[in-house]
Amino acid sequence: MKKTVCELFAGVGGFRCGLNSIKTLKDIKRPEKWKTVWFSQWEPAEKNTQYAHDCYVYHFGTCLDSNGEDTTNWNIEDVDKKTIPDFNLLVGGFPCQDYSVASSLATSKGLEGKKGILWWSIREVLEDKNPPFVLLENVDRLIKSPAKQRGRDFGIILACFRDEDYTVEWRVINAADYGYQQRRRRTFIFAYKNDTAYARRIKDKVRFAPIFSEESLKKSTRELLTEEGFFAKSFPVGCVDLKRISTQKLPTGLGDLSDNFKFTFENSGAMIDGIVYTVRTTPVYKGKQITLGDIMETGDVDEQFFIPESKLYYTDPEITHSNESEVRLPKESRQTWQYLKGAKKLPRTAANGHEYIFSEGAISMVDDYDKPARTMLTSEGNFSRTTHIVKDKKTGRIRLLTPAETERIQGFPTDHTKYCLSNGEVIEMPVKKRRFMMGNALVVNLIEQMEKQISDIFDEEE
């Protein structure tokens, strides 16, 4: 089977880098193992410059649709999915939103998603292009959302795959659990058409059949999720107790599912013939652990990244708590990293007028060299509790991460986001935007590790 790819919500090309083992900027110039026939990247918040799209185009060029038009920077909801060139693997890190369903007869399935919900664009691609394989990434809370109806959103996604004749496997993976440089938990979904050779092999190996007893099906599930399945082979886990495997049949109609479905999805599972099998698994890894210190600069760092002493501390550096339940600290004190990352007690008033004391615990002021980086967010580099602060390796001074360091934390080539191609002109991406791109990205190393398994699957397809 040809290794052709469509990359939705492409960002700056994380899936493309992972599938093609792109570790340095020089690697981009090599012939690609996986051919991207079309991609889509559009950021609605950017009015003038589409930095992510333009960075992608700077490195990889653009792709035309079957009408010869460049629609890669359109809102995906406005793209006619039938014009996407044919491909065999759909990938994408789609945004996590509300996947509830509104009653309407507007679509082929008699249901219409609320306006702006991007999952439905993925479903349109599944309907119109019928890709044999799909690999998607989302935040770890996807399997538990929304808070008032746990599991509904993920149930809708699985039911959409069921209706298009796919089998689905999923796993919530923390990159650091498998030796990589960031503690980042994400939900990965691997789906495959039931008429593929891979689907037939899997069902033969693990002996899935509706006529089997519940205990037999649970044994097959255990084998799939811990030994024979896609994620089991890519990211090993320990054995699981049959008694801990939960099952649930998905409602037939998406409307009923949207209104009434609740279910506790665990971090590993599969959906086969409309039935969900899920269990909590534990990672197994005994290799080297990459740390934050491993990816940090060792030479000179530009002065703009260092934090002035006046912004670091407002009192003795050993003080990690502030109590403002009676008197607030001066504004200058509150605008320091010591205050922001320290423990606090603050008076608050609820919407109903109730007064209370808000408490917040302390977090480390300076991130440890000998651990993987914490989860990087789009606010990285801003005055935020979640921003990484490090001790410069050469000078010992306290500073923020450089853009290149944030790229390495996500497994991208150093300086991957430095340049963009905008309206035919090469421009530099602002530092703040570079950090934002990395906070929005996935850990490329995980895709590279999955690629070995996907490549084997494709090589065995007819």
Protein backbone atom coordinates (compact mmCIF):
# COMPACT_ATOMS: atom_id res chain seq x y z
CA MET A 1 0.00 0.00 0.00
CA LYS A 2 1.29 3.47 -0.91
CA LYS A 3 2.41 5.52 2.09
CA THR A 4 0.27 8.59 1.34
CA VAL A 5 -0.87 10.99 4.05
CA CYS A 6 -3.40 13.73 4.66
CA GLU A 7 -2.49 15.89 7.67
CA LEU A 8 -5.34 17.88 9.25
CA PHE A 9 -4.81 20.61 11.87
CA ALA A 10 -1.19 20.29 10.83
CA GLY A 11 0.36 23.03 12.96
CA VAL A 12 4.03 23.27 11.99
CA GLY A 13 4.19 19.63 10.83
CA GLY A 14 4.62 17.40 13.89
CA PHE A 15 3.11 14.30 12.30
CA ARG A 16 5.11 14.84 9.13
CA CYS A 17 8.36 15.17 11.08
CA GLY A 18 7.59 12.04 13.10
CA LEU A 19 6.54 9.86 10.18
CA ASN A 20 9.66 10.82 8.22
CA SER A 21 12.15 10.75 11.13
CA ILE A 22 13.03 14.42 10.68
CA LYS A 23 15.38 15.26 13.55
CA THR A 24 17.40 18.12 12.04
CA LEU A 25 16.68 20.79 9.43
CA LYS A 26 18.97 18.92 7.01
CA ASP A 27 16.68 15.88 7.25
CA ILE A 28 13.84 17.90 5.66
CA LYS A 29 15.74 17.90 2.38
CA ARG A 30 15.83 14.09 2.19
CA PRO A 31 13.24 12.16 0.12
CA GLU A 32 10.25 11.46 2.37
CA LYS A 33 9.16 7.91 3.17
CA TRP A 34 5.57 9.12 3.71
CA LYS A 35 4.20 11.41 0.98
CA THR A 36 1.85 14.12 2.24
CA VAL A 37 -0.65 14.71 -0.57
CA TRP A 38 -2.60 17.45 1.27
CA PHE A 39 -2.60 19.23 4.60
CA SER A 40 -4.76 21.79 6.36
CA GLN A 41 -3.72 24.48 8.83
CA TRP A 42 -5.76 27.57 9.64
CA GLU A 43 -5.62 29.60 12.83
CA PRO A 44 -8.81 31.70 13.23
CA ALA A 45 -7.20 33.95 15.86
CA GLU A 46 -4.52 35.16 13.43
CA LYS A 47 -5.92 37.94 11.26
CA ASN A 48 -2.83 39.00 9.29
CA THR A 49 -0.13 36.29 9.31
CA GLN A 50 -0.82 32.56 9.49
CA TYR A 51 2.45 31.68 11.19
CA ALA A 52 1.92 27.93 11.63
CA HIS A 53 0.77 27.41 8.04
CA ASP A 54 3.55 29.62 6.68
CA CYS A 55 6.18 27.77 8.74
CA TYR A 56 4.87 24.45 7.35
CA VAL A 57 5.04 25.80 3.78
CA TYR A 58 8.56 27.20 4.35
CA HIS A 59 9.81 23.69 5.13
CA PHE A 60 7.64 21.44 3.00
CA GLY A 61 5.94 23.53 0.32
CA THR A 62 2.21 23.49 -0.26
CA CYS A 63 -0.25 20.96 -1.73
CA LEU A 64 -2.97 21.53 -4.33
CA ASP A 65 -6.39 19.90 -4.21
CA SER A 66 -7.83 17.87 -7.09
CA ASN A 67 -9.12 21.11 -8.68
CA GLY A 68 -5.60 22.56 -8.74
CA GLU A 69 -6.39 25.05 -5.95
CA ASP A 70 -4.36 25.72 -2.80
CA THR A 71 -6.93 25.36 -0.02
CA THR A 72 -4.45 24.37 2.70
CA ASN A 73 -4.96 27.65 4.59
CA TRP A 74 -8.75 27.66 4.44
CA ASN A 75 -11.03 27.05 7.39
CA ILE A 76 -11.37 23.25 7.20
CA GLU A 77 -15.15 23.60 7.53
CA ASP A 78 -15.22 25.46 4.20
CA VAL A 79 -13.16 22.88 2.30
CA ASP A 80 -15.00 20.49 -0.02
CA LYS A 81 -13.60 17.22 1.34
CA LYS A 82 -14.19 15.46 -1.98
CA THR A 83 -11.47 17.64 -3.54
CA ILE A 84 -8.77 16.31 -1.21
CA PRO A 85 -6.40 14.03 -3.19
CA ASP A 86 -6.70 10.32 -2.35
CA PHE A 87 -4.58 9.06 0.52
CA ASN A 88 -4.23 6.02 2.79
CA LEU A 89 -3.40 7.52 6.20
CA LEU A 90 -5.29 10.39 7.84
CA VAL A 91 -3.43 12.10 10.70
CA GLY A 92 -4.14 15.12 12.84
CA GLY A 93 -4.03 16.71 16.26
CA PHE A 94 -7.58 18.01 16.33
CA PRO A 95 -8.74 20.59 18.89
CA CYS A 96 -10.62 19.37 21.97
CA GLN A 97 -14.07 20.94 21.99
CA ASP A 98 -17.67 20.04 22.76
CA TYR A 99 -18.80 17.16 20.55
CA SER A 100 -22.49 17.22 21.44
CA VAL A 101 -25.00 16.71 18.66
CA ALA A 102 -27.89 18.99 17.65
CA SER A 103 -31.04 17.45 16.14
CA SER A 104 -31.24 18.16 12.43
CA LEU A 105 -31.56 16.30 9.15
CA ALA A 106 -28.90 18.40 7.43
CA THR A 107 -26.26 15.71 6.96
CA SER A 108 -26.11 12.23 5.50
CA LYS A 109 -26.39 10.69 8.98
CA GLY A 110 -29.36 12.85 9.95
CA LEU A 111 -27.35 14.73 12.53
CA GLU A 112 -25.49 18.00 12.60
CA GLY A 113 -22.75 19.11 14.93
CA LYS A 114 -22.86 22.53 16.54
CA LYS A 115 -21.25 25.18 14.38
CA GLY A 116 -17.49 25.38 14.76
CA ILE A 117 -17.01 21.86 16.12
CA LEU A 118 -14.06 20.56 14.18
CA TRP A 119 -14.57 16.84 14.81
CA TRP A 120 -17.34 16.89 12.23
CA SER A 121 -14.89 17.98 9.56
CA ILE A 122 -12.86 14.87 10.34
CA ARG A 123 -16.02 12.80 10.03
CA GLU A 124 -16.71 14.38 6.63
CA VAL A 125 -13.23 13.32 5.51
CA LEU A 126 -13.92 9.78 6.72
CA GLU A 127 -17.21 9.73 4.78
CA ASP A 128 -15.89 11.28 1.56
CA LYS A 129 -12.39 9.79 1.34
CA ASN A 130 -12.66 6.46 3.23
CA PRO A 131 -9.01 6.29 4.32
CA PRO A 132 -8.05 2.76 5.38
CA PHE A 133 -6.03 4.04 8.37
CA VAL A 134 -6.35 6.97 10.79
CA LEU A 135 -4.01 8.25 13.52
CA LEU A 136 -5.25 11.14 15.69
CA GLU A 137 -4.01 12.97 18.79
CA ASN A 138 -5.89 14.95 21.43
CA VAL A 139 -5.61 16.01 25.06
CA ASP A 140 -5.88 13.33 27.74
CA ARG A 141 -9.18 14.71 29.09
CA LEU A 142 -10.89 13.83 25.79
CA ILE A 143 -11.91 10.43 27.15
CA LYS A 144 -13.56 12.04 30.20
CA SER A 145 -15.31 15.06 28.74
CA PRO A 146 -17.63 16.78 29.35
CA ALA A 147 -17.54 17.00 33.14
CA LYS A 148 -21.34 16.76 33.44
CA GLN A 149 -21.61 13.68 31.18
CA ARG A 150 -18.35 11.77 31.44
CA GLY A 151 -17.36 9.88 28.32
CA ARG A 152 -20.01 11.33 26.01
CA ASP A 153 -17.61 13.12 23.65
CA PHE A 154 -15.34 10.13 23.18
CA GLY A 155 -18.37 7.87 22.77
CA ILE A 156 -19.59 10.07 19.91
CA ILE A 157 -16.18 9.90 18.23
CA LEU A 158 -16.10 6.10 18.52
CA ALA A 159 -19.65 5.82 17.19
CA CYS A 160 -18.69 7.92 14.16
CA PHE A 161 -15.87 5.48 13.43
CA ARG A 162 -18.24 2.55 13.95
CA ASP A 163 -20.71 4.00 11.44
CA GLU A 164 -17.93 4.25 8.85
CA ASP A 165 -16.90 0.60 9.44
CA TYR A 166 -13.70 1.11 11.46
CA THR A 167 -12.16 -0.70 14.38
CA VAL A 168 -10.53 1.68 16.87
CA GLU A 169 -7.73 1.36 19.42
CA TRP A 170 -6.75 4.15 21.80
CA ARG A 171 -4.12 4.81 24.44
CA VAL A 172 -3.38 7.76 26.72
CA ILE A 173 0.41 8.09 26.56
CA ASN A 174 2.72 10.15 28.74
CA ALA A 175 5.83 10.75 26.63
CA ALA A 176 8.08 10.69 29.72
CA ASP A 177 6.87 7.17 30.58
CA TYR A 178 8.72 5.94 27.50
CA GLY A 179 11.94 7.87 28.06
CA TYR A 180 11.18 11.13 26.27
CA GLN A 181 11.92 14.64 27.43
CA GLN A 182 8.47 15.91 28.46
CA ARG A 183 5.77 14.87 30.92
CA ARG A 184 2.96 15.26 28.42
CA ARG A 185 -0.15 13.06 28.48
CA ARG A 186 -2.13 12.80 25.26
CA THR A 187 -4.85 10.55 23.87
CA PHE A 188 -3.90 8.77 20.66
CA ILE A 189 -6.47 7.07 18.42
CA PHE A 190 -5.59 4.48 15.78
CA ALA A 191 -8.47 3.38 13.54
CA TYR A 192 -8.53 0.97 10.64
CA LYS A 193 -11.16 -0.16 8.16
CA ASN A 194 -12.58 -3.58 8.84
CA ASP A 195 -11.84 -4.73 5.29
CA THR A 196 -8.07 -4.15 5.62
CA ALA A 197 -5.71 -7.09 5.85
CA TYR A 198 -4.53 -5.68 9.18
CA ALA A 199 -8.04 -5.78 10.66
CA ARG A 200 -8.46 -9.39 9.54
CA ARG A 201 -5.08 -10.38 11.00
CA ILE A 202 -5.85 -8.74 14.32
CA LYS A 203 -9.23 -10.44 14.64
CA ASP A 204 -7.70 -13.79 13.71
CA LYS A 205 -4.85 -13.39 16.22
CA VAL A 206 -6.94 -12.34 19.19
CA ARG A 207 -9.99 -14.45 18.21
CA PHE A 208 -12.72 -11.80 18.37
CA ALA A 209 -16.21 -12.99 17.47
CA PRO A 210 -19.65 -11.85 18.74
CA ILE A 211 -20.64 -15.46 19.46
CA PHE A 212 -17.90 -15.86 22.09
CA SER A 213 -18.61 -15.68 25.81
CA GLU A 214 -17.95 -12.48 27.76
CA GLU A 215 -14.93 -14.05 29.48
CA SER A 216 -13.50 -15.17 26.14
CA LEU A 217 -13.98 -11.67 24.69
CA LYS A 218 -12.20 -10.17 27.70
CA LYS A 219 -9.26 -12.54 27.18
CA SER A 220 -9.13 -11.44 23.54
CA THR A 221 -9.25 -7.81 24.67
CA ARG A 222 -6.36 -8.34 27.05
CA GLU A 223 -4.32 -9.89 24.26
CA LEU A 224 -5.15 -7.02 21.92
CA LEU A 225 -4.35 -4.24 24.40
CA THR A 226 -1.24 -5.76 25.97
CA GLU A 227 0.37 -7.89 23.22
CA GLU A 228 -0.96 -7.82 19.66
CA GLY A 229 -2.57 -4.42 19.10
CA PHE A 230 -1.06 -1.31 17.52
CA PHE A 231 -0.28 0.51 20.76
CA ALA A 232 0.74 -2.68 22.57
CA LYS A 233 3.51 -3.23 20.04
CA SER A 234 4.54 0.43 19.94
CA PHE A 235 4.38 1.17 23.69
CA PRO A 236 4.58 -1.91 25.94
CA VAL A 237 2.41 -2.22 29.04
CA GLY A 238 2.09 -4.71 31.87
CA CYS A 239 -0.48 -7.48 32.05
CA VAL A 240 -4.00 -6.67 33.26
CA ASP A 241 -6.60 -8.50 35.33
CA LEU A 242 -9.59 -9.70 33.30
CA LYS A 243 -11.91 -8.51 36.07
CA ARG A 244 -10.82 -4.92 35.49
CA ILE A 245 -11.83 -4.87 31.82
CA SER A 246 -15.07 -2.95 31.27
CA THR A 247 -17.35 -3.35 28.27
CA GLN A 248 -20.15 -1.22 26.86
CA LYS A 249 -22.25 -1.36 23.70
CA LEU A 250 -22.54 2.04 22.04
CA PRO A 251 -26.09 3.28 21.35
CA THR A 252 -27.07 3.00 17.70
CA GLY A 253 -28.08 6.61 17.19
CA LEU A 254 -25.74 9.56 17.74
CA GLY A 255 -28.63 11.64 19.07
CA ASP A 256 -29.39 9.13 21.84
CA LEU A 257 -25.68 8.85 22.59
CA SER A 258 -25.30 12.61 22.81
CA ASP A 259 -28.26 13.01 25.16
CA ASN A 260 -27.83 10.02 27.46
CA PHE A 261 -24.50 8.22 27.14
CA LYS A 262 -22.13 8.09 30.10
CA PHE A 263 -19.18 5.75 30.50
CA THR A 264 -15.79 5.60 32.18
CA PHE A 265 -13.18 5.16 29.48
CA GLU A 266 -9.82 4.03 30.84
CA ASN A 267 -6.41 4.92 29.40
CA SER A 268 -6.40 1.91 27.03
CA GLY A 269 -9.16 0.40 24.98
CA ALA A 270 -10.68 -0.68 21.72
CA MET A 271 -14.00 -0.39 19.91
CA ILE A 272 -14.87 -3.43 17.82
CA ASP A 273 -18.21 -3.83 16.02
CA GLY A 274 -19.76 -1.10 18.17
CA ILE A 275 -18.68 -2.61 21.48
CA VAL A 276 -16.20 -0.80 23.73
CA TYR A 277 -13.56 -2.69 25.74
CA THR A 278 -11.42 -0.66 28.13
CA VAL A 279 -8.96 -1.13 30.98
CA ARG A 280 -6.29 0.84 32.81
CA THR A 281 -2.80 -0.21 31.76
CA THR A 282 0.64 0.56 33.22
CA PRO A 283 3.60 1.53 30.99
CA VAL A 284 6.64 -0.75 30.86
CA TYR A 285 9.93 0.94 29.97
CA LYS A 286 13.49 0.26 31.13
CA GLY A 287 15.53 2.43 28.79
CA LYS A 288 17.27 5.79 29.11
CA GLN A 289 15.33 8.79 30.38
CA ILE A 290 15.91 12.03 28.46
CA THR A 291 15.73 15.04 30.78
CA LEU A 292 15.27 18.78 30.54
CA GLY A 293 18.99 19.17 31.16
CA ASP A 294 19.77 17.03 28.11
CA ILE A 295 18.09 19.45 25.72
CA MET A 296 19.25 22.76 27.22
CA GLU A 297 21.73 25.14 25.66
CA THR A 298 25.31 24.83 26.91
CA GLY A 299 26.74 27.93 25.21
CA ASP A 300 25.84 31.60 25.10
CA VAL A 301 22.15 32.53 25.38
CA ASP A 302 20.75 35.89 24.26
CA GLU A 303 20.25 38.38 27.09
CA GLN A 304 16.52 38.73 26.31
CA PHE A 305 15.83 35.35 27.93
CA PHE A 306 17.36 36.16 31.32
CA ILE A 307 15.09 37.33 34.15
CA PRO A 308 16.10 40.54 35.98
CA GLU A 309 16.74 40.05 39.69
CA SER A 310 13.94 42.50 40.51
CA LYS A 311 11.44 40.23 38.75
CA LEU A 312 12.66 37.07 40.44
CA TYR A 313 12.24 37.74 44.14
CA TYR A 314 10.38 40.21 46.33
CA THR A 315 11.89 38.91 49.57
CA ASP A 316 14.34 36.24 50.76
CA PRO A 317 14.63 33.51 48.04
CA GLU A 318 13.93 30.85 50.68
CA ILE A 319 10.39 32.19 51.28
CA THR A 320 7.86 30.11 49.35
CA HIS A 321 4.56 31.21 50.97
CA SER A 322 2.55 34.42 51.11
CA ASN A 323 -0.51 35.10 53.28
CA GLU A 324 -2.69 37.94 52.01
CA SER A 325 -5.87 36.94 53.80
CA GLU A 326 -5.82 40.25 55.68
CA VAL A 327 -3.48 42.60 53.79
CA ARG A 328 -2.46 42.43 50.11
CA LEU A 329 1.16 42.62 49.12
CA PRO A 330 2.30 45.61 47.04
CA LYS A 331 1.82 45.30 43.27
CA GLU A 332 5.58 45.17 42.72
CA SER A 333 5.84 42.10 44.98
CA ARG A 334 3.02 40.33 43.21
CA GLN A 335 4.69 40.84 39.83
CA THR A 336 7.62 38.56 40.67
CA TRP A 337 8.18 34.91 39.81
CA GLN A 338 8.69 34.10 43.49
CA TYR A 339 5.17 35.31 44.26
CA LEU A 340 3.61 33.70 41.19
CA LYS A 341 5.05 30.24 41.82
CA GLY A 342 4.79 30.40 45.61
CA ALA A 343 1.96 29.23 47.86
CA LYS A 344 -0.76 31.82 48.53
CA LYS A 345 -3.75 32.67 50.65
CA LEU A 346 -6.02 35.30 49.11
CA PRO A 347 -9.47 36.66 49.99
CA ARG A 348 -12.03 35.96 47.25
CA THR A 349 -15.72 36.66 46.73
CA ALA A 350 -17.91 34.18 44.87
CA ALA A 351 -20.55 35.24 42.33
CA ASN A 352 -23.24 34.82 44.99
CA GLY A 353 -21.41 37.20 47.33
CA HIS A 354 -19.91 34.50 49.56
CA GLU A 355 -16.47 35.47 50.85
CA TYR A 356 -13.77 32.84 51.27
CA ILE A 357 -9.99 32.34 51.39
CA PHE A 358 -8.44 30.94 48.23
CA SER A 359 -5.38 28.76 48.82
CA GLU A 360 -2.79 27.68 46.27
CA GLY A 361 0.24 25.46 46.84
CA ALA A 362 3.83 26.23 45.93
CA ILE A 363 5.53 24.83 42.86
CA SER A 364 9.25 24.71 42.13
CA MET A 365 10.68 28.07 41.20
CA VAL A 366 13.43 26.59 39.01
CA ASP A 367 12.84 23.42 36.99
CA ASP A 368 15.12 20.46 37.66
CA TYR A 369 17.75 19.43 35.11
CA ASP A 370 17.47 15.77 36.01
CA LYS A 371 13.75 15.31 35.19
CA PRO A 372 11.77 15.53 31.96
CA ALA A 373 10.23 18.94 31.31
CA ARG A 374 6.76 19.62 32.63
CA THR A 375 3.90 19.77 30.14
CA MET A 376 4.48 22.77 27.91
CA LEU A 377 1.47 25.00 27.26
CA THR A 378 0.76 27.72 24.71
CA SER A 379 1.43 30.25 27.49
CA GLU A 380 5.08 29.15 27.73
CA GLY A 381 7.32 32.16 28.28
CA ASN A 382 4.50 34.35 29.59
CA PHE A 383 4.29 35.49 33.21
CA SER A 384 2.51 32.29 34.25
CA ARG A 385 2.90 29.60 36.92
CA THR A 386 3.23 26.99 34.17
CA THR A 387 6.18 28.68 32.42
CA HIS A 388 9.50 26.87 32.79
CA ILE A 389 12.31 28.73 34.58
CA VAL A 390 15.81 27.24 34.33
CA LYS A 391 19.33 27.92 35.55
CA ASP A 392 21.53 28.70 32.58
CA LYS A 393 24.17 26.01 32.18
CA LYS A 394 26.99 28.40 31.26
CA THR A 395 26.39 31.34 33.62
CA GLY A 396 24.18 29.92 36.37
CA ARG A 397 21.77 32.83 35.94
CA ILE A 398 17.99 32.29 35.96
CA ARG A 399 16.19 32.54 32.64
CA LEU A 400 13.29 31.43 30.45
CA LEU A 401 13.56 28.71 27.83
CA THR A 402 14.75 29.70 24.38
CA PRO A 403 12.53 28.87 21.39
CA ALA A 404 15.05 26.22 20.31
CA GLU A 405 14.79 24.54 23.70
CA THR A 406 10.99 24.43 23.46
CA GLU A 407 11.37 22.81 20.03
CA ARG A 408 13.64 20.12 21.48
CA ILE A 409 11.18 19.49 24.32
CA GLN A 410 8.63 18.55 21.65
CA GLY A 411 11.16 16.58 19.59
CA PHE A 412 11.30 19.03 16.64
CA PRO A 413 14.52 20.00 14.87
CA THR A 414 16.31 22.94 16.46
CA ASP A 415 15.08 26.21 14.87
CA HIS A 416 12.19 24.47 13.10
CA THR A 417 9.91 27.43 13.81
CA LYS A 418 12.45 30.20 13.14
CA TYR A 419 11.30 31.04 9.61
CA CYS A 420 8.05 31.26 7.66
CA LEU A 421 7.21 31.75 3.99
CA SER A 422 4.54 34.46 3.94
CA ASN A 423 3.25 35.78 0.60
CA GLY A 424 6.43 34.62 -1.09
CA GLU A 425 8.70 36.34 1.44
CA VAL A 426 10.82 34.59 4.10
CA ILE A 427 10.19 36.16 7.50
CA GLU A 428 11.18 35.32 11.08
CA MET A 429 8.51 34.07 13.42
CA PRO A 430 8.27 36.14 16.64
CA VAL A 431 9.67 34.48 19.76
CA LYS A 432 6.28 34.52 21.48
CA LYS A 433 4.67 32.77 18.51
CA ARG A 434 7.44 30.17 18.36
CA ARG A 435 6.74 29.20 21.96
CA PHE A 436 3.00 29.18 21.26
CA MET A 437 3.50 26.77 18.34
CA MET A 438 5.39 24.36 20.57
CA GLY A 439 2.81 24.56 23.34
CA ASN A 440 0.23 23.56 20.73
CA ALA A 441 2.29 20.75 19.22
CA LEU A 442 2.68 17.05 19.91
CA VAL A 443 5.78 15.11 20.97
CA VAL A 444 7.26 14.17 17.61
CA ASN A 445 9.22 11.28 19.14
CA LEU A 446 5.99 9.40 19.87
CA ILE A 447 4.91 9.56 16.22
CA GLU A 448 8.36 8.38 15.14
CA GLN A 449 8.03 5.40 17.48
CA MET A 450 4.57 4.58 16.10
CA GLU A 451 5.80 4.91 12.51
CA LYS A 452 7.72 1.64 12.70
CA GLN A 453 4.49 -0.23 13.39
CA ILE A 454 2.45 1.72 10.82
CA SER A 455 5.09 1.10 8.16
CA ASP A 456 4.99 -2.65 8.81
CA ILE A 457 1.20 -2.58 8.56
CA PHE A 458 1.29 -0.77 5.21
CA ASP A 459 3.95 -3.09 3.83
CA GLU A 460 1.67 -6.08 4.47
CA GLU A 461 -1.42 -4.52 2.90
CA GLU A 462 -2.42 -5.57 -0.58
